[in-house]
């Protein structure tokens, strides 16, 4: 234990200086809420906004839902449109399935499968997707032993629903019409 400033060992003085510097840093007013969490030298760079697509590129999204889903700007516009209609659960489920397919760890796969099930598949789920009982039952059976293909059937159904229903509505929307002017 350190006793009296004059008798402080060198390491104890160094530690006291470190504490003083850290306290001084904490007492300074942060520039933003991020500074409260992330130290000043480790600020996270904001990702760049997707560049606005050309008219020709936006016109290609009419060809297929897959072309739309592969383009960052198109995906963001589509998501905004669905959110404005309170119908983004299908897209969120489809994206969750895409992320799920990238998981390597069986433990993480099982945890994420349970989370996706509770959020999108289970009856009365917060973001329940509209799939038939056969597909729902098949998905539940697939989740007994989760694999990368556990949600394939449900994901294909949701993709077909988006292609048949959501995409045509999006293409008629102001969100899309502004891009193709």
N, C-alpha and C. Protein backbone atom coordinates (compact mmCIF):
# COMPACT_ATOMS: atom_id res chain seq x y z
N UNK A 1 0.84 -1.17 0.00
CA UNK A 1 0.00 0.00 0.00
C UNK A 1 0.88 1.23 0.00
N UNK A 2 0.52 2.25 -0.74
CA UNK A 2 1.29 3.50 -0.83
C UNK A 2 1.07 4.33 0.43
N UNK A 3 2.18 4.88 1.00
CA UNK A 3 2.09 5.70 2.21
C UNK A 3 2.78 7.02 1.93
N UNK A 4 2.12 8.15 2.12
CA UNK A 4 2.72 9.47 1.96
C UNK A 4 3.35 9.68 0.59
N UNK A 5 3.20 10.83 0.00
CA UNK A 5 3.70 11.10 -1.35
C UNK A 5 5.21 10.99 -1.43
N UNK A 6 5.95 11.44 -0.42
CA UNK A 6 7.41 11.42 -0.47
C UNK A 6 7.94 10.00 -0.48
N UNK A 7 7.25 9.11 0.16
CA UNK A 7 7.72 7.74 0.29
C UNK A 7 7.16 6.82 -0.80
N UNK A 8 6.43 7.38 -1.77
CA UNK A 8 5.81 6.55 -2.80
C UNK A 8 6.87 5.89 -3.68
N UNK A 9 6.74 4.60 -3.90
CA UNK A 9 7.63 3.95 -4.83
C UNK A 9 7.32 4.43 -6.25
N UNK A 10 8.26 4.30 -7.13
CA UNK A 10 8.12 4.78 -8.51
C UNK A 10 6.88 4.21 -9.19
N UNK A 11 6.61 2.91 -9.05
CA UNK A 11 5.46 2.30 -9.70
C UNK A 11 4.14 2.83 -9.14
N UNK A 12 4.12 3.17 -7.88
CA UNK A 12 2.91 3.71 -7.26
C UNK A 12 2.64 5.12 -7.78
N UNK A 13 3.70 5.92 -7.96
CA UNK A 13 3.56 7.26 -8.53
C UNK A 13 3.04 7.19 -9.96
N UNK A 14 3.59 6.27 -10.71
CA UNK A 14 3.15 6.09 -12.10
C UNK A 14 1.67 5.72 -12.14
N UNK A 15 1.28 4.85 -11.26
CA UNK A 15 -0.13 4.41 -11.22
C UNK A 15 -1.04 5.58 -10.85
N UNK A 16 -0.59 6.41 -9.90
CA UNK A 16 -1.38 7.58 -9.50
C UNK A 16 -1.53 8.55 -10.67
N UNK A 17 -0.48 8.74 -11.45
CA UNK A 17 -0.54 9.61 -12.63
C UNK A 17 -1.52 9.06 -13.66
N UNK A 18 -1.48 7.74 -13.88
CA UNK A 18 -2.42 7.10 -14.83
C UNK A 18 -3.86 7.33 -14.40
N UNK A 19 -4.11 7.16 -13.09
CA UNK A 19 -5.47 7.34 -12.58
C UNK A 19 -5.90 8.79 -12.75
N UNK A 20 -5.01 9.73 -12.48
CA UNK A 20 -5.32 11.15 -12.63
C UNK A 20 -5.68 11.47 -14.08
N UNK A 21 -4.93 10.92 -15.02
CA UNK A 21 -5.19 11.16 -16.45
C UNK A 21 -6.54 10.56 -16.84
N UNK A 22 -6.80 9.34 -16.39
CA UNK A 22 -8.07 8.70 -16.72
C UNK A 22 -9.25 9.46 -16.13
N UNK A 23 -9.12 9.92 -14.89
CA UNK A 23 -10.19 10.69 -14.27
C UNK A 23 -10.41 12.01 -15.01
N UNK A 24 -9.32 12.65 -15.41
CA UNK A 24 -9.42 13.89 -16.18
C UNK A 24 -10.15 13.67 -17.49
N UNK A 25 -9.86 12.55 -18.14
CA UNK A 25 -10.53 12.22 -19.40
C UNK A 25 -12.01 11.99 -19.17
N UNK A 26 -12.36 11.29 -18.10
CA UNK A 26 -13.76 11.01 -17.80
C UNK A 26 -14.54 12.27 -17.46
N UNK A 27 -13.87 13.24 -16.83
CA UNK A 27 -14.55 14.46 -16.42
C UNK A 27 -14.77 15.43 -17.58
N UNK A 28 -14.06 15.25 -18.68
CA UNK A 28 -14.27 16.11 -19.84
C UNK A 28 -15.62 15.81 -20.46
N UNK A 29 -16.24 16.85 -21.01
CA UNK A 29 -17.55 16.67 -21.65
C UNK A 29 -17.33 15.93 -22.97
N UNK A 30 -18.03 14.82 -23.18
CA UNK A 30 -17.85 14.08 -24.43
C UNK A 30 -18.47 14.83 -25.61
N UNK A 31 -17.90 14.62 -26.81
CA UNK A 31 -18.42 15.23 -28.03
C UNK A 31 -19.74 14.59 -28.42
N UNK A 32 -19.90 13.33 -28.11
CA UNK A 32 -21.14 12.63 -28.46
C UNK A 32 -21.35 11.49 -27.48
N UNK A 33 -22.51 10.87 -27.60
CA UNK A 33 -22.82 9.73 -26.74
C UNK A 33 -21.87 8.58 -26.99
N UNK A 34 -21.34 8.49 -28.21
CA UNK A 34 -20.40 7.41 -28.54
C UNK A 34 -19.15 7.51 -27.67
N UNK A 35 -18.74 8.77 -27.36
CA UNK A 35 -17.54 8.96 -26.55
C UNK A 35 -17.71 8.40 -25.14
N UNK A 36 -18.95 8.29 -24.68
CA UNK A 36 -19.18 7.73 -23.35
C UNK A 36 -18.89 6.24 -23.32
N UNK A 37 -19.00 5.59 -24.45
CA UNK A 37 -18.85 4.15 -24.53
C UNK A 37 -17.49 3.77 -25.11
N UNK A 38 -17.10 4.44 -26.19
CA UNK A 38 -15.89 4.09 -26.91
C UNK A 38 -14.83 5.16 -26.62
N UNK A 39 -13.66 4.77 -26.13
CA UNK A 39 -12.61 5.75 -25.88
C UNK A 39 -12.29 6.54 -27.15
N UNK A 40 -11.83 7.79 -26.97
CA UNK A 40 -11.62 8.72 -28.07
C UNK A 40 -10.75 8.16 -29.19
N UNK A 41 -9.81 7.30 -28.87
CA UNK A 41 -8.90 6.79 -29.90
C UNK A 41 -9.44 5.56 -30.62
N UNK A 42 -10.65 5.12 -30.26
CA UNK A 42 -11.21 3.93 -30.88
C UNK A 42 -12.58 4.21 -31.51
N UNK A 43 -12.84 5.45 -31.94
CA UNK A 43 -14.14 5.77 -32.54
C UNK A 43 -14.37 4.94 -33.78
N UNK A 44 -15.61 4.51 -33.92
CA UNK A 44 -15.98 3.69 -35.06
C UNK A 44 -16.37 4.61 -36.22
N UNK A 45 -15.86 4.31 -37.39
CA UNK A 45 -16.23 5.08 -38.58
C UNK A 45 -17.62 4.67 -39.03
N UNK A 46 -18.45 5.66 -39.38
CA UNK A 46 -19.78 5.35 -39.89
C UNK A 46 -19.64 4.76 -41.28
N UNK A 47 -20.42 3.72 -41.59
CA UNK A 47 -20.33 3.14 -42.92
C UNK A 47 -20.86 4.15 -43.95
N UNK A 48 -20.27 4.13 -45.11
CA UNK A 48 -20.69 5.03 -46.18
C UNK A 48 -22.07 4.64 -46.66
N UNK A 49 -22.88 5.66 -46.97
CA UNK A 49 -24.21 5.38 -47.49
C UNK A 49 -24.07 4.78 -48.88
N UNK A 50 -24.96 3.84 -49.19
CA UNK A 50 -24.89 3.27 -50.53
C UNK A 50 -25.12 4.37 -51.57
N UNK A 51 -24.31 4.33 -52.59
CA UNK A 51 -24.41 5.34 -53.64
C UNK A 51 -25.71 5.17 -54.40
N UNK A 52 -26.36 6.31 -54.74
CA UNK A 52 -27.63 6.26 -55.46
C UNK A 52 -27.40 5.58 -56.81
N UNK A 53 -28.26 4.63 -57.13
CA UNK A 53 -28.08 3.88 -58.37
C UNK A 53 -28.47 4.73 -59.59
N UNK A 54 -27.95 4.33 -60.72
CA UNK A 54 -28.35 4.98 -61.96
C UNK A 54 -29.78 4.56 -62.29
N UNK A 55 -30.40 5.32 -63.17
CA UNK A 55 -31.77 4.99 -63.59
C UNK A 55 -31.81 3.60 -64.20
N UNK A 56 -30.83 3.28 -65.05
CA UNK A 56 -30.79 1.97 -65.70
C UNK A 56 -30.66 0.84 -64.68
N UNK A 57 -29.83 1.08 -63.69
CA UNK A 57 -29.65 0.06 -62.64
C UNK A 57 -30.97 -0.16 -61.89
N UNK A 58 -31.63 0.94 -61.54
CA UNK A 58 -32.90 0.84 -60.82
C UNK A 58 -33.96 0.15 -61.68
N UNK A 59 -33.92 0.37 -62.96
CA UNK A 59 -34.88 -0.27 -63.86
C UNK A 59 -34.70 -1.79 -63.88
N UNK A 60 -33.47 -2.26 -63.65
CA UNK A 60 -33.20 -3.70 -63.66
C UNK A 60 -33.86 -4.41 -62.47
N UNK A 61 -34.16 -3.69 -61.42
CA UNK A 61 -34.78 -4.31 -60.25
C UNK A 61 -36.16 -4.83 -60.58
N UNK A 62 -36.76 -4.33 -61.65
CA UNK A 62 -38.08 -4.83 -62.06
C UNK A 62 -37.99 -6.26 -62.57
N UNK A 63 -36.81 -6.66 -63.03
CA UNK A 63 -36.63 -7.98 -63.62
C UNK A 63 -36.80 -9.11 -62.60
N UNK A 64 -36.27 -8.89 -61.40
CA UNK A 64 -36.37 -9.95 -60.39
C UNK A 64 -36.09 -9.41 -59.00
N UNK A 65 -36.67 -10.06 -58.04
CA UNK A 65 -36.42 -9.71 -56.64
C UNK A 65 -34.95 -9.94 -56.29
N UNK A 66 -34.35 -10.98 -56.89
CA UNK A 66 -32.95 -11.28 -56.58
C UNK A 66 -32.03 -10.13 -56.95
N UNK A 67 -32.27 -9.48 -58.08
CA UNK A 67 -31.44 -8.33 -58.48
C UNK A 67 -31.59 -7.21 -57.45
N UNK A 68 -32.80 -7.01 -56.98
CA UNK A 68 -33.05 -5.99 -55.97
C UNK A 68 -32.32 -6.33 -54.67
N UNK A 69 -32.41 -7.58 -54.24
CA UNK A 69 -31.82 -7.99 -52.96
C UNK A 69 -30.29 -7.95 -52.97
N UNK A 70 -29.68 -7.95 -54.15
CA UNK A 70 -28.22 -7.95 -54.26
C UNK A 70 -27.64 -6.54 -54.29
N UNK A 71 -28.48 -5.53 -54.36
CA UNK A 71 -28.02 -4.15 -54.45
C UNK A 71 -28.31 -3.44 -53.13
N UNK A 72 -27.28 -2.87 -52.52
CA UNK A 72 -27.43 -2.23 -51.20
C UNK A 72 -28.47 -1.11 -51.21
N UNK A 73 -28.42 -0.26 -52.23
CA UNK A 73 -29.37 0.85 -52.28
C UNK A 73 -30.79 0.34 -52.51
N UNK A 74 -30.93 -0.62 -53.39
CA UNK A 74 -32.25 -1.19 -53.66
C UNK A 74 -32.82 -1.83 -52.40
N UNK A 75 -31.99 -2.57 -51.71
CA UNK A 75 -32.40 -3.24 -50.48
C UNK A 75 -32.85 -2.21 -49.44
N UNK A 76 -32.08 -1.14 -49.29
CA UNK A 76 -32.43 -0.08 -48.33
C UNK A 76 -33.76 0.58 -48.73
N UNK A 77 -33.95 0.85 -50.01
CA UNK A 77 -35.20 1.47 -50.48
C UNK A 77 -36.38 0.52 -50.26
N UNK A 78 -36.18 -0.74 -50.60
CA UNK A 78 -37.23 -1.75 -50.45
C UNK A 78 -37.61 -1.88 -48.98
N UNK A 79 -36.60 -1.92 -48.12
CA UNK A 79 -36.84 -2.04 -46.68
C UNK A 79 -37.61 -0.83 -46.16
N UNK A 80 -37.24 0.37 -46.60
CA UNK A 80 -37.95 1.58 -46.19
C UNK A 80 -39.40 1.54 -46.63
N UNK A 81 -39.60 1.08 -47.86
CA UNK A 81 -40.96 0.97 -48.38
C UNK A 81 -41.77 -0.01 -47.53
N UNK A 82 -41.22 -1.18 -47.27
CA UNK A 82 -41.95 -2.19 -46.48
C UNK A 82 -42.22 -1.68 -45.07
N UNK A 83 -41.26 -0.98 -44.50
CA UNK A 83 -41.44 -0.42 -43.16
C UNK A 83 -42.59 0.58 -43.17
N UNK A 84 -42.70 1.38 -44.24
CA UNK A 84 -43.78 2.37 -44.32
C UNK A 84 -45.15 1.70 -44.39
N UNK A 85 -45.19 0.46 -44.84
CA UNK A 85 -46.43 -0.31 -44.91
C UNK A 85 -46.60 -1.26 -43.72
N UNK A 86 -45.67 -1.22 -42.80
CA UNK A 86 -45.66 -2.11 -41.64
C UNK A 86 -45.66 -3.58 -42.09
N UNK A 87 -44.86 -3.87 -43.11
CA UNK A 87 -44.82 -5.25 -43.62
C UNK A 87 -43.39 -5.70 -43.91
N UNK A 88 -42.46 -5.30 -43.06
CA UNK A 88 -41.06 -5.64 -43.30
C UNK A 88 -40.64 -7.00 -42.77
N UNK A 89 -41.56 -7.72 -42.12
CA UNK A 89 -41.17 -9.00 -41.48
C UNK A 89 -40.67 -10.02 -42.49
N UNK A 90 -41.25 -10.07 -43.69
CA UNK A 90 -40.79 -11.05 -44.68
C UNK A 90 -39.35 -10.78 -45.10
N UNK A 91 -39.04 -9.53 -45.37
CA UNK A 91 -37.67 -9.18 -45.75
C UNK A 91 -36.71 -9.44 -44.59
N UNK A 92 -37.10 -9.07 -43.40
CA UNK A 92 -36.23 -9.30 -42.24
C UNK A 92 -35.98 -10.79 -42.03
N UNK A 93 -37.00 -11.60 -42.22
CA UNK A 93 -36.84 -13.06 -42.11
C UNK A 93 -35.88 -13.56 -43.19
N UNK A 94 -36.08 -13.11 -44.42
CA UNK A 94 -35.23 -13.55 -45.53
C UNK A 94 -33.77 -13.18 -45.25
N UNK A 95 -33.54 -11.96 -44.77
CA UNK A 95 -32.18 -11.52 -44.45
C UNK A 95 -31.60 -12.31 -43.28
N UNK A 96 -32.43 -12.60 -42.27
CA UNK A 96 -31.97 -13.40 -41.13
C UNK A 96 -31.54 -14.80 -41.60
N UNK A 97 -32.28 -15.36 -42.56
CA UNK A 97 -31.93 -16.67 -43.10
C UNK A 97 -30.61 -16.61 -43.86
N UNK A 98 -30.40 -15.54 -44.59
CA UNK A 98 -29.14 -15.38 -45.32
C UNK A 98 -27.96 -15.31 -44.35
N UNK A 99 -28.13 -14.56 -43.27
CA UNK A 99 -27.07 -14.48 -42.24
C UNK A 99 -26.87 -15.83 -41.57
N UNK A 100 -27.95 -16.52 -41.32
CA UNK A 100 -27.91 -17.84 -40.67
C UNK A 100 -27.05 -18.81 -41.48
N UNK A 101 -27.17 -18.75 -42.80
CA UNK A 101 -26.43 -19.67 -43.68
C UNK A 101 -24.92 -19.45 -43.63
N UNK A 102 -24.48 -18.37 -43.04
CA UNK A 102 -23.04 -18.06 -42.95
C UNK A 102 -22.42 -18.57 -41.65
N UNK A 103 -23.25 -19.07 -40.75
CA UNK A 103 -22.76 -19.52 -39.44
C UNK A 103 -21.97 -20.82 -39.59
N UNK A 104 -20.85 -20.87 -38.90
CA UNK A 104 -19.97 -22.04 -38.95
C UNK A 104 -20.14 -22.95 -37.73
N UNK A 105 -20.31 -22.35 -36.58
CA UNK A 105 -20.36 -23.08 -35.31
C UNK A 105 -21.72 -23.74 -35.09
N UNK A 106 -21.74 -25.06 -34.82
CA UNK A 106 -23.01 -25.73 -34.54
C UNK A 106 -23.76 -25.15 -33.33
N UNK A 107 -23.01 -24.73 -32.32
CA UNK A 107 -23.63 -24.15 -31.13
C UNK A 107 -24.30 -22.82 -31.49
N UNK A 108 -23.57 -21.99 -32.20
CA UNK A 108 -24.12 -20.70 -32.63
C UNK A 108 -25.30 -20.91 -33.57
N UNK A 109 -25.21 -21.91 -34.43
CA UNK A 109 -26.28 -22.22 -35.36
C UNK A 109 -27.56 -22.59 -34.60
N UNK A 110 -27.43 -23.41 -33.59
CA UNK A 110 -28.59 -23.83 -32.80
C UNK A 110 -29.21 -22.63 -32.08
N UNK A 111 -28.38 -21.78 -31.51
CA UNK A 111 -28.88 -20.59 -30.81
C UNK A 111 -29.60 -19.65 -31.78
N UNK A 112 -28.99 -19.42 -32.93
CA UNK A 112 -29.58 -18.50 -33.90
C UNK A 112 -30.86 -19.09 -34.51
N UNK A 113 -30.90 -20.40 -34.71
CA UNK A 113 -32.09 -21.07 -35.24
C UNK A 113 -33.26 -20.87 -34.27
N UNK A 114 -32.99 -21.04 -32.99
CA UNK A 114 -34.03 -20.86 -31.98
C UNK A 114 -34.53 -19.42 -31.98
N UNK A 115 -33.61 -18.48 -32.12
CA UNK A 115 -33.96 -17.06 -32.14
C UNK A 115 -34.83 -16.73 -33.37
N UNK A 116 -34.44 -17.22 -34.53
CA UNK A 116 -35.21 -16.98 -35.76
C UNK A 116 -36.60 -17.60 -35.63
N UNK A 117 -36.65 -18.81 -35.09
CA UNK A 117 -37.94 -19.48 -34.89
C UNK A 117 -38.86 -18.64 -34.01
N UNK A 118 -38.33 -18.18 -32.87
CA UNK A 118 -39.14 -17.41 -31.92
C UNK A 118 -39.58 -16.07 -32.50
N UNK A 119 -38.73 -15.48 -33.32
CA UNK A 119 -39.03 -14.15 -33.86
C UNK A 119 -39.95 -14.18 -35.08
N UNK A 120 -39.85 -15.24 -35.92
CA UNK A 120 -40.54 -15.22 -37.21
C UNK A 120 -41.48 -16.40 -37.48
N UNK A 121 -41.24 -17.58 -36.92
CA UNK A 121 -41.97 -18.78 -37.32
C UNK A 121 -43.05 -19.18 -36.33
N UNK A 122 -42.72 -19.17 -35.07
CA UNK A 122 -43.64 -19.61 -34.02
C UNK A 122 -44.97 -18.86 -34.12
N UNK A 123 -46.06 -19.55 -33.81
CA UNK A 123 -47.39 -18.91 -33.81
C UNK A 123 -47.38 -17.75 -32.82
N UNK A 124 -47.90 -16.62 -33.26
CA UNK A 124 -47.94 -15.38 -32.48
C UNK A 124 -46.54 -14.79 -32.24
N UNK A 125 -45.58 -15.12 -33.10
CA UNK A 125 -44.24 -14.53 -33.00
C UNK A 125 -44.35 -13.03 -33.24
N UNK A 126 -43.42 -12.25 -32.69
CA UNK A 126 -43.49 -10.79 -32.85
C UNK A 126 -43.48 -10.34 -34.33
N UNK A 127 -42.77 -11.08 -35.16
CA UNK A 127 -42.70 -10.73 -36.59
C UNK A 127 -43.07 -11.96 -37.43
N UNK A 128 -44.13 -12.60 -37.06
CA UNK A 128 -44.52 -13.85 -37.70
C UNK A 128 -44.70 -13.68 -39.21
N UNK A 129 -44.03 -14.55 -39.97
CA UNK A 129 -44.15 -14.53 -41.43
C UNK A 129 -45.35 -15.39 -41.84
N UNK A 130 -45.90 -15.08 -42.98
CA UNK A 130 -47.09 -15.76 -43.47
C UNK A 130 -46.68 -16.97 -44.32
N UNK A 131 -46.54 -18.11 -43.66
CA UNK A 131 -46.23 -19.35 -44.39
C UNK A 131 -47.31 -20.38 -44.04
N UNK A 132 -47.51 -21.32 -44.95
CA UNK A 132 -48.53 -22.34 -44.74
C UNK A 132 -48.11 -23.31 -43.64
N UNK A 133 -49.07 -24.06 -43.13
CA UNK A 133 -48.81 -24.99 -42.02
C UNK A 133 -47.82 -26.09 -42.41
N UNK A 134 -47.90 -26.57 -43.64
CA UNK A 134 -46.97 -27.62 -44.09
C UNK A 134 -45.54 -27.11 -43.99
N UNK A 135 -45.28 -25.91 -44.49
CA UNK A 135 -43.93 -25.33 -44.46
C UNK A 135 -43.50 -25.06 -43.03
N UNK A 136 -44.41 -24.58 -42.22
CA UNK A 136 -44.08 -24.32 -40.81
C UNK A 136 -43.71 -25.62 -40.10
N UNK A 137 -44.51 -26.68 -40.32
CA UNK A 137 -44.22 -27.97 -39.69
C UNK A 137 -42.88 -28.54 -40.16
N UNK A 138 -42.61 -28.41 -41.46
CA UNK A 138 -41.33 -28.89 -42.01
C UNK A 138 -40.16 -28.14 -41.38
N UNK A 139 -40.33 -26.84 -41.22
CA UNK A 139 -39.26 -26.02 -40.62
C UNK A 139 -39.03 -26.44 -39.18
N UNK A 140 -40.10 -26.67 -38.44
CA UNK A 140 -39.97 -27.10 -37.04
C UNK A 140 -39.23 -28.44 -36.98
N UNK A 141 -39.57 -29.36 -37.87
CA UNK A 141 -38.87 -30.66 -37.91
C UNK A 141 -37.39 -30.48 -38.23
N UNK A 142 -37.09 -29.55 -39.15
CA UNK A 142 -35.69 -29.28 -39.51
C UNK A 142 -34.89 -28.71 -38.34
N UNK A 143 -35.58 -28.08 -37.43
CA UNK A 143 -34.89 -27.43 -36.31
C UNK A 143 -34.55 -28.40 -35.17
N UNK A 144 -35.01 -29.63 -35.27
CA UNK A 144 -34.64 -30.64 -34.27
C UNK A 144 -33.12 -30.82 -34.29
N UNK A 145 -32.56 -30.86 -35.49
CA UNK A 145 -31.10 -30.88 -35.67
C UNK A 145 -30.76 -29.77 -36.66
N UNK A 146 -30.54 -28.55 -36.17
CA UNK A 146 -30.31 -27.41 -37.06
C UNK A 146 -29.15 -27.63 -38.02
N UNK A 147 -29.38 -27.22 -39.27
CA UNK A 147 -28.34 -27.25 -40.29
C UNK A 147 -28.47 -25.97 -41.11
N UNK A 148 -27.55 -25.76 -42.02
CA UNK A 148 -27.58 -24.56 -42.84
C UNK A 148 -28.84 -24.48 -43.70
N UNK A 149 -29.49 -25.61 -43.94
CA UNK A 149 -30.68 -25.63 -44.78
C UNK A 149 -31.99 -25.70 -43.98
N UNK A 150 -31.93 -25.53 -42.69
CA UNK A 150 -33.11 -25.66 -41.84
C UNK A 150 -34.27 -24.74 -42.25
N UNK A 151 -33.96 -23.56 -42.72
CA UNK A 151 -35.00 -22.59 -43.05
C UNK A 151 -35.24 -22.47 -44.56
N UNK A 152 -34.61 -23.31 -45.36
CA UNK A 152 -34.69 -23.17 -46.82
C UNK A 152 -36.12 -23.15 -47.35
N UNK A 153 -36.93 -24.07 -46.90
CA UNK A 153 -38.31 -24.15 -47.40
C UNK A 153 -39.09 -22.89 -47.05
N UNK A 154 -39.00 -22.46 -45.81
CA UNK A 154 -39.71 -21.25 -45.38
C UNK A 154 -39.16 -20.01 -46.09
N UNK A 155 -37.84 -19.97 -46.26
CA UNK A 155 -37.23 -18.83 -46.94
C UNK A 155 -37.69 -18.75 -48.40
N UNK A 156 -37.80 -19.90 -49.06
CA UNK A 156 -38.28 -19.91 -50.45
C UNK A 156 -39.72 -19.44 -50.54
N UNK A 157 -40.55 -19.85 -49.60
CA UNK A 157 -41.95 -19.41 -49.58
C UNK A 157 -42.04 -17.89 -49.39
N UNK A 158 -41.26 -17.38 -48.46
CA UNK A 158 -41.27 -15.95 -48.18
C UNK A 158 -40.73 -15.17 -49.38
N UNK A 159 -39.70 -15.70 -50.02
CA UNK A 159 -39.15 -15.06 -51.22
C UNK A 159 -40.23 -14.99 -52.30
N UNK A 160 -40.96 -16.08 -52.49
CA UNK A 160 -42.03 -16.11 -53.49
C UNK A 160 -43.13 -15.10 -53.15
N UNK A 161 -43.47 -14.99 -51.87
CA UNK A 161 -44.47 -14.01 -51.44
C UNK A 161 -44.00 -12.59 -51.74
N UNK A 162 -42.75 -12.30 -51.43
CA UNK A 162 -42.23 -10.96 -51.70
C UNK A 162 -42.21 -10.67 -53.19
N UNK A 163 -41.82 -11.68 -53.97
CA UNK A 163 -41.74 -11.49 -55.42
C UNK A 163 -43.13 -11.27 -56.02
N UNK A 164 -44.11 -11.99 -55.52
CA UNK A 164 -45.46 -11.94 -56.06
C UNK A 164 -46.25 -10.72 -55.54
N UNK A 165 -45.98 -10.30 -54.30
CA UNK A 165 -46.80 -9.28 -53.67
C UNK A 165 -46.03 -7.99 -53.35
N UNK A 166 -44.98 -8.08 -52.58
CA UNK A 166 -44.26 -6.89 -52.11
C UNK A 166 -43.52 -6.17 -53.24
N UNK A 167 -42.85 -6.92 -54.10
CA UNK A 167 -42.09 -6.30 -55.17
C UNK A 167 -42.98 -5.49 -56.11
N UNK A 168 -44.10 -6.02 -56.61
CA UNK A 168 -44.95 -5.20 -57.47
C UNK A 168 -45.45 -3.92 -56.78
N UNK A 169 -45.78 -4.01 -55.50
CA UNK A 169 -46.21 -2.81 -54.77
C UNK A 169 -45.06 -1.81 -54.67
N UNK A 170 -43.86 -2.31 -54.42
CA UNK A 170 -42.69 -1.44 -54.34
C UNK A 170 -42.46 -0.74 -55.68
N UNK A 171 -42.57 -1.49 -56.77
CA UNK A 171 -42.32 -0.91 -58.09
C UNK A 171 -43.34 0.18 -58.46
N UNK A 172 -44.50 0.13 -57.86
CA UNK A 172 -45.52 1.17 -58.09
C UNK A 172 -45.39 2.33 -57.10
N UNK A 173 -44.56 2.16 -56.09
CA UNK A 173 -44.46 3.15 -55.01
C UNK A 173 -43.65 4.38 -55.41
N UNK A 174 -43.82 5.45 -54.61
CA UNK A 174 -43.02 6.66 -54.80
C UNK A 174 -41.55 6.38 -54.53
N UNK A 175 -41.26 5.45 -53.61
CA UNK A 175 -39.87 5.10 -53.30
C UNK A 175 -39.13 4.72 -54.58
N UNK A 176 -39.76 3.87 -55.36
CA UNK A 176 -39.13 3.40 -56.59
C UNK A 176 -39.26 4.43 -57.72
N UNK A 177 -40.41 5.03 -57.85
CA UNK A 177 -40.64 5.99 -58.95
C UNK A 177 -39.66 7.14 -58.90
N UNK A 178 -39.26 7.57 -57.72
CA UNK A 178 -38.27 8.64 -57.59
C UNK A 178 -36.91 8.21 -58.16
N UNK A 179 -36.59 6.93 -58.04
CA UNK A 179 -35.30 6.44 -58.51
C UNK A 179 -35.22 6.30 -60.03
N UNK A 180 -36.36 6.09 -60.65
CA UNK A 180 -36.35 5.85 -62.11
C UNK A 180 -36.76 7.08 -62.92
N UNK A 181 -36.92 8.20 -62.28
CA UNK A 181 -37.27 9.43 -63.01
C UNK A 181 -36.15 9.83 -63.95
